[in-house]
Amino acid sequence: MNDEILADELVLAGKIVPALGAIGAELGCGLHEAIDEFQRRYDRLRTERLNEFTLPHGDYGRNVHT
């Protein structure tokens, strides 16, 4: 599984922190850039693969404190 697919699967599964780590490793970037890319992927995936999300939009990110 390539890094982009892994990161997308983690986003779909609601595994935010591991997704950020996978995005950072994939792009070779820091946390701030990974957060920006995470948001872009989340938005794209909500449009392209809505039925594959494990959590509804309102619950996504609940209990994630930064």
Protein backbone atom coordinates (compact mmCIF):
# COMPACT_ATOMS: atom_id res chain seq x y z
CA MET A 1 0.00 0.00 0.00
CA ASN A 2 1.53 3.33 -0.96
CA ASP A 3 1.79 6.19 1.52
CA GLU A 4 -1.04 8.26 -0.01
CA ILE A 5 -3.48 5.36 0.10
CA LEU A 6 -2.46 4.57 3.69
CA ALA A 7 -3.04 8.17 4.76
CA ASP A 8 -6.42 8.28 3.02
CA GLU A 9 -7.50 5.05 4.71
CA LEU A 10 -6.51 6.49 8.09
CA VAL A 11 -8.51 9.65 7.37
CA LEU A 12 -11.55 7.56 6.42
CA ALA A 13 -11.19 5.51 9.62
CA GLY A 14 -11.12 8.64 11.79
CA LYS A 15 -7.56 7.96 12.96
CA ILE A 16 -6.48 11.57 12.90
CA VAL A 17 -3.12 11.45 14.67
CA PRO A 18 -1.85 8.44 12.71
CA ALA A 19 -3.13 10.08 9.50
CA LEU A 20 -1.15 13.23 10.28
CA GLY A 21 1.95 11.12 10.84
CA ALA A 22 1.43 9.25 7.57
CA ILE A 23 0.89 12.50 5.66
CA GLY A 24 4.01 14.02 7.21
CA ALA A 25 6.05 10.96 6.26
CA GLU A 26 4.59 10.87 2.76
CA LEU A 27 5.28 14.53 2.04
CA GLY A 28 8.35 14.96 4.23
CA CYS A 29 6.72 17.92 5.95
CA GLY A 30 6.13 19.23 9.45
CA LEU A 31 2.98 19.15 11.52
CA HIS A 32 1.49 22.43 10.29
CA GLU A 33 1.80 21.39 6.66
CA ALA A 34 0.43 17.93 7.48
CA ILE A 35 -2.60 19.51 9.14
CA ASP A 36 -3.27 21.63 6.06
CA GLU A 37 -2.94 18.59 3.78
CA PHE A 38 -5.12 16.55 6.14
CA GLN A 39 -7.90 19.13 5.77
CA ARG A 40 -7.62 19.07 1.97
CA ARG A 41 -7.81 15.26 1.95
CA TYR A 42 -10.68 15.18 4.42
CA ASP A 43 -12.66 17.59 2.25
CA ARG A 44 -11.87 15.64 -0.93
CA LEU A 45 -12.69 12.29 0.64
CA ARG A 46 -15.97 13.58 2.09
CA THR A 47 -16.95 14.38 -1.50
CA GLU A 48 -15.48 11.38 -3.32
CA ARG A 49 -15.84 8.57 -0.75
CA LEU A 50 -18.50 9.72 1.71
CA ASN A 51 -19.91 6.24 2.38
CA GLU A 52 -16.51 4.93 3.44
CA PHE A 53 -16.14 7.20 6.49
CA THR A 54 -16.50 5.36 9.78
CA LEU A 55 -17.79 8.45 11.61
CA PRO A 56 -20.38 11.05 10.66
CA HIS A 57 -19.11 14.57 10.02
CA GLY A 58 -20.37 15.88 13.37
CA ASP A 59 -18.49 13.23 15.34
CA TYR A 60 -15.26 13.38 13.34
CA GLY A 61 -12.46 14.86 15.43
CA ARG A 62 -14.44 14.68 18.66
CA ASN A 63 -12.11 14.17 21.61
CA VAL A 64 -9.06 15.24 19.60
CA HIS A 65 -7.40 18.06 21.48
CA THR A 66 -4.46 19.97 20.09
